[in-house]
């Protein structure tokens, strides 16, 4: 499959696409600009929410939960944003990608700006506002999503070159970390991911100009080609959740290199995704 360009290359580091009917469709991020982008027909709206914004998910009660550079925030239905305080003071670390589990808890990973090995962790924000560290020793904590029945969670620590999988339950959380798919470095580096209604795992390949789909048994069965090398994340959207939206980045590229980098892309996936899991807080 070949992805089509959906917007101009208007993001420096496009990330974190999410489709939710509660906010009228697609949102994605221009991460280092601290901006949330939204699509209204062919018009892109841009809203500045902080020095950096790395993840956004809808709340069950309306609004959104945000991960900023070093802490979480809640957006109310009127657009008011309340920051929940910094998780640490070290300016060499930042939050990165995340998502919500089937029980409405919000997970978000961290990493060092210089990608120092082992500096990252994965934290969980509970609906009551408490925060727990659930994994440590990570490098580039990235995509996270759950299987249709909620019993498995797929996860990327990009530096490992693999998609990992956990067992999941509300009581025990994430357990049994193991490899799901090993991705050769020449293919690209596993970044954001999403899971479809049949349990297939779609992973953005940073440096690979593609999104790959793997069946629940780990077999590669679809490739979406993207006209930009730095593919960062993907999500299902559209009225029937059968369109795959793909974000890309210009980070590390010279001026004039890869003219379409930073664009949003889309493709008719031929399969439906899952409704986004919402934060219960």
Protein backbone atom coordinates (compact mmCIF):
# COMPACT_ATOMS: atom_id res chain seq x y z
CA UNK A 1 0.00 0.00 0.00
CA UNK A 2 1.09 3.57 -0.67
CA UNK A 3 0.10 6.28 1.81
CA UNK A 4 -1.19 9.54 0.37
CA UNK A 5 -0.20 12.96 1.67
CA UNK A 6 -3.08 14.40 3.71
CA UNK A 7 -1.61 17.76 4.81
CA UNK A 8 1.27 20.03 3.97
CA UNK A 9 4.56 19.40 5.82
CA UNK A 10 3.51 21.68 8.68
CA UNK A 11 4.98 19.82 11.68
CA UNK A 12 8.65 19.73 12.61
CA UNK A 13 8.16 16.54 14.63
CA UNK A 14 4.69 15.15 13.99
CA UNK A 15 3.61 12.61 16.59
CA UNK A 16 0.82 10.97 18.54
CA UNK A 17 -2.21 10.87 16.19
CA UNK A 18 -5.51 10.01 17.92
CA UNK A 19 -9.06 9.85 16.54
CA UNK A 20 -11.90 10.55 18.95
CA UNK A 21 -15.51 11.50 18.17
CA UNK A 22 -15.55 13.38 21.50
CA UNK A 23 -13.31 16.07 20.05
CA UNK A 24 -14.56 15.86 16.49
CA UNK A 25 -12.04 13.63 14.76
CA UNK A 26 -8.26 13.60 14.46
CA UNK A 27 -5.71 15.27 16.70
CA UNK A 28 -1.96 14.93 16.42
CA UNK A 29 1.06 16.76 17.79
CA UNK A 30 3.85 19.05 16.68
CA UNK A 31 5.75 17.79 19.70
CA UNK A 32 8.66 20.18 20.16
CA UNK A 33 6.49 23.18 19.30
CA UNK A 34 4.10 22.26 22.12
CA UNK A 35 1.14 22.34 19.72
CA UNK A 36 -1.91 20.13 19.27
CA UNK A 37 -3.06 19.97 15.64
CA UNK A 38 -6.58 19.04 14.57
CA UNK A 39 -8.10 18.34 11.18
CA UNK A 40 -11.36 19.98 10.06
CA UNK A 41 -11.95 18.94 6.45
CA UNK A 42 -8.86 20.24 4.69
CA UNK A 43 -8.16 22.85 7.36
CA UNK A 44 -5.60 22.24 10.10
CA UNK A 45 -6.06 24.06 13.40
CA UNK A 46 -3.11 24.55 15.75
CA UNK A 47 -3.33 25.09 19.52
CA UNK A 48 -0.32 25.82 21.74
CA UNK A 49 -0.49 24.02 25.11
CA UNK A 50 3.06 24.10 26.49
CA UNK A 51 6.77 24.13 25.76
CA UNK A 52 6.34 20.52 24.62
CA UNK A 53 3.40 18.12 24.27
CA UNK A 54 4.15 14.43 23.75
CA UNK A 55 0.87 12.51 24.18
CA UNK A 56 -2.85 13.28 24.20
CA UNK A 57 -5.80 11.01 24.95
CA UNK A 58 -9.51 11.75 25.48
CA UNK A 59 -11.08 11.65 28.96
CA UNK A 60 -14.30 9.72 29.54
CA UNK A 61 -15.92 12.81 31.03
CA UNK A 62 -14.80 15.00 28.13
CA UNK A 63 -11.63 16.93 27.47
CA UNK A 64 -8.24 15.27 27.39
CA UNK A 65 -5.28 14.06 29.40
CA UNK A 66 -1.92 15.42 28.22
CA UNK A 67 1.70 14.50 28.75
CA UNK A 68 3.92 17.57 28.61
CA UNK A 69 7.70 17.75 28.91
CA UNK A 70 8.03 16.65 32.55
CA UNK A 71 4.47 16.16 33.80
CA UNK A 72 0.82 15.41 33.15
CA UNK A 73 -2.08 17.81 32.63
CA UNK A 74 -5.86 17.64 32.32
CA UNK A 75 -7.86 19.54 29.73
CA UNK A 76 -11.49 20.29 30.62
CA UNK A 77 -14.30 20.45 28.07
CA UNK A 78 -13.99 24.26 27.94
CA UNK A 79 -10.32 23.98 26.97
CA UNK A 80 -8.91 24.93 30.38
CA UNK A 81 -5.67 23.06 31.08
CA UNK A 82 -4.60 22.18 34.62
CA UNK A 83 -1.05 20.94 35.07
CA UNK A 84 -0.60 18.22 37.70
CA UNK A 85 2.97 19.12 38.67
CA UNK A 86 6.41 18.05 37.51
CA UNK A 87 7.40 14.41 37.89
CA UNK A 88 11.09 15.31 38.14
CA UNK A 89 13.32 18.38 37.93
CA UNK A 90 16.05 17.00 35.66
CA UNK A 91 15.87 19.04 32.45
CA UNK A 92 17.81 16.38 30.55
CA UNK A 93 14.79 14.04 30.64
CA UNK A 94 11.39 14.32 28.98
CA UNK A 95 8.21 12.34 28.59
CA UNK A 96 7.50 10.60 25.31
CA UNK A 97 4.69 8.39 23.99
CA UNK A 98 1.92 6.59 25.88
CA UNK A 99 -1.69 5.45 25.95
CA UNK A 100 -4.59 4.28 28.13
CA UNK A 101 -5.19 0.76 29.36
CA UNK A 102 -8.59 -1.00 29.25
CA UNK A 103 -9.27 0.17 32.82
CA UNK A 104 -8.85 3.87 32.05
CA UNK A 105 -5.35 4.42 33.40
CA UNK A 106 -2.88 6.55 31.41
CA UNK A 107 0.67 5.31 30.77
CA UNK A 108 3.50 7.46 29.46
CA UNK A 109 7.18 6.68 28.96
CA UNK A 110 10.22 8.91 29.29
CA UNK A 111 13.66 9.24 27.75
CA UNK A 112 16.78 11.38 27.87
CA UNK A 113 17.06 14.13 25.26
CA UNK A 114 20.40 12.60 24.24
CA UNK A 115 18.82 9.11 24.19
CA UNK A 116 21.16 7.91 26.93
CA UNK A 117 20.63 4.14 27.41
CA UNK A 118 18.59 3.16 30.45
CA UNK A 119 17.60 6.70 31.46
CA UNK A 120 13.91 6.26 30.68
CA UNK A 121 10.98 4.76 32.53
CA UNK A 122 7.27 4.07 32.11
CA UNK A 123 4.81 5.75 34.48
CA UNK A 124 1.10 5.24 35.07
CA UNK A 125 -1.32 8.03 35.96
CA UNK A 126 -4.36 6.64 37.80
CA UNK A 127 -7.79 8.32 37.73
CA UNK A 128 -7.26 9.54 41.32
CA UNK A 129 -4.17 11.50 40.21
CA UNK A 130 -1.58 9.19 41.75
CA UNK A 131 1.46 8.25 39.64
CA UNK A 132 3.42 4.99 39.79
CA UNK A 133 6.61 3.94 38.00
CA UNK A 134 5.92 0.58 36.36
CA UNK A 135 9.12 0.03 34.29
CA UNK A 136 12.67 1.38 34.55
CA UNK A 137 15.89 1.05 32.56
CA UNK A 138 14.30 2.12 29.26
CA UNK A 139 15.96 4.16 26.51
CA UNK A 140 13.33 5.51 24.06
CA UNK A 141 9.94 4.56 25.48
CA UNK A 142 7.52 4.66 22.57
CA UNK A 143 4.32 3.05 21.23
CA UNK A 144 1.92 1.28 23.58
CA UNK A 145 -1.46 -0.29 22.77
CA UNK A 146 -3.63 -3.21 23.86
CA UNK A 147 -5.11 -6.23 22.08
CA UNK A 148 -8.86 -6.18 21.32
CA UNK A 149 -9.66 -8.28 24.41
CA UNK A 150 -7.31 -6.24 26.60
CA UNK A 151 -5.25 -9.24 27.71
CA UNK A 152 -2.05 -8.21 25.89
CA UNK A 153 -0.16 -4.93 25.61
CA UNK A 154 2.28 -4.25 22.78
CA UNK A 155 5.16 -1.89 23.51
CA UNK A 156 8.21 -0.35 21.85
CA UNK A 157 11.44 0.69 23.50
CA UNK A 158 12.85 1.85 20.17
CA UNK A 159 16.50 1.16 21.01
CA UNK A 160 15.79 -2.56 21.44
CA UNK A 161 14.81 -2.93 17.78
CA UNK A 162 11.79 -5.02 18.67
CA UNK A 163 8.08 -4.91 19.41
CA UNK A 164 7.60 -6.36 22.88
CA UNK A 165 4.45 -7.81 24.39
CA UNK A 166 3.15 -8.00 27.97
CA UNK A 167 0.34 -9.88 29.61
CA UNK A 168 -2.14 -7.44 31.16
CA UNK A 169 -4.80 -7.51 33.86
CA UNK A 170 -6.30 -4.78 36.03
CA UNK A 171 -4.93 -6.44 39.15
CA UNK A 172 -1.36 -7.22 38.09
CA UNK A 173 -0.82 -4.59 35.39
CA UNK A 174 1.91 -5.31 32.83
CA UNK A 175 3.72 -8.62 33.37
CA UNK A 176 5.64 -11.24 31.41
CA UNK A 177 7.66 -8.94 29.12
CA UNK A 178 8.85 -10.84 26.03
CA UNK A 179 9.65 -10.27 22.36
CA UNK A 180 6.80 -10.21 19.83
CA UNK A 181 8.69 -9.21 16.66
CA UNK A 182 12.37 -8.46 16.06
CA UNK A 183 12.88 -5.71 13.45
CA UNK A 184 16.22 -5.52 11.60
CA UNK A 185 17.90 -2.12 11.87
CA UNK A 186 18.03 -1.75 8.09
CA UNK A 187 14.20 -1.92 8.04
CA UNK A 188 13.81 0.99 10.47
CA UNK A 189 13.31 1.51 14.18
CA UNK A 190 9.99 0.70 15.92
CA UNK A 191 8.28 3.94 16.98
CA UNK A 192 4.54 4.45 17.57
CA UNK A 193 2.09 1.58 17.15
CA UNK A 194 -1.62 0.80 17.08
CA UNK A 195 -3.70 -2.40 17.17
CA UNK A 196 -6.60 -3.17 14.82
CA UNK A 197 -9.90 -4.96 15.45
CA UNK A 198 -8.42 -8.33 14.39
CA UNK A 199 -5.47 -8.00 16.77
CA UNK A 200 -2.98 -6.98 14.10
CA UNK A 201 -0.17 -4.67 15.24
CA UNK A 202 0.71 -1.70 13.01
CA UNK A 203 4.09 -0.14 13.78
CA UNK A 204 5.65 3.07 12.44
CA UNK A 205 9.26 2.51 11.35
CA UNK A 206 11.42 5.57 12.04
CA UNK A 207 14.03 5.75 9.32
CA UNK A 208 12.18 3.07 7.36
CA UNK A 209 9.68 5.10 5.28
CA UNK A 210 6.95 2.63 6.18
CA UNK A 211 4.34 1.23 8.53
CA UNK A 212 4.26 -2.55 8.96
CA UNK A 213 1.33 -4.71 10.06
CA UNK A 214 2.04 -7.91 11.98
CA UNK A 215 -0.57 -10.60 12.60
CA UNK A 216 -1.22 -11.72 16.20
CA UNK A 217 1.26 -14.58 15.64
CA UNK A 218 3.99 -12.11 14.58
CA UNK A 219 3.87 -12.56 10.80
CA UNK A 220 4.41 -9.52 8.54
CA UNK A 221 1.40 -9.29 6.24
CA UNK A 222 1.11 -5.65 5.12
CA UNK A 223 3.47 -2.78 4.32
CA UNK A 224 2.39 0.84 3.92
CA UNK A 225 5.00 2.90 2.06
CA UNK A 226 5.37 6.53 3.15
CA UNK A 227 7.09 9.32 1.19
CA UNK A 228 9.13 10.41 4.21
CA UNK A 229 11.73 8.40 6.07
CA UNK A 230 11.04 9.47 9.67
CA UNK A 231 7.69 7.78 10.27
CA UNK A 232 6.71 8.34 13.90
CA UNK A 233 3.23 7.00 14.71
CA UNK A 234 -0.08 5.78 13.31
CA UNK A 235 -3.72 5.46 14.34
CA UNK A 236 -7.04 4.39 12.89
CA UNK A 237 -9.67 7.02 12.26
CA UNK A 238 -12.44 8.17 10.00
CA UNK A 239 -16.18 7.62 10.58
CA UNK A 240 -15.72 3.84 10.20
CA UNK A 241 -12.24 3.63 11.76
CA UNK A 242 -10.91 2.19 8.49
CA UNK A 243 -8.40 4.91 7.61
CA UNK A 244 -4.84 4.73 8.91
CA UNK A 245 -3.38 8.16 9.70
CA UNK A 246 0.42 8.41 9.83
CA UNK A 247 2.65 11.15 11.26
CA UNK A 248 6.17 12.03 10.13
CA UNK A 249 9.06 14.18 11.30
CA UNK A 250 11.67 16.58 9.92
CA UNK A 251 13.96 16.18 12.93
CA UNK A 252 17.58 15.70 11.84
CA UNK A 253 16.95 16.56 8.19
CA UNK A 254 18.70 19.33 6.30
CA UNK A 255 16.70 22.18 4.81
CA UNK A 256 15.28 21.08 1.48
CA UNK A 257 15.77 17.40 2.23
CA UNK A 258 12.65 15.17 2.00
CA UNK A 259 10.10 17.77 0.93
CA UNK A 260 7.13 15.88 2.40
CA UNK A 261 8.64 15.15 5.82
CA UNK A 262 6.44 16.62 8.56
CA UNK A 263 3.25 15.91 6.60
CA UNK A 264 0.32 13.86 7.82
CA UNK A 265 -0.37 10.84 5.58
CA UNK A 266 -3.33 8.47 5.29
CA UNK A 267 -4.23 5.18 3.63
CA UNK A 268 -7.36 3.06 3.30
CA UNK A 269 -6.25 0.18 5.49
CA UNK A 270 -8.78 -2.45 4.40
CA UNK A 271 -9.45 -3.25 8.05
CA UNK A 272 -10.95 -1.37 10.98
CA UNK A 273 -9.21 -0.15 14.09
CA UNK A 274 -10.37 -0.07 17.69
CA UNK A 275 -12.01 2.93 19.39
CA UNK A 276 -9.46 4.88 21.39
CA UNK A 277 -9.25 3.91 25.04
CA UNK A 278 -10.06 6.88 27.26
CA UNK A 279 -8.65 8.13 30.55
CA UNK A 280 -11.08 7.62 33.44
CA UNK A 281 -9.82 10.59 35.48
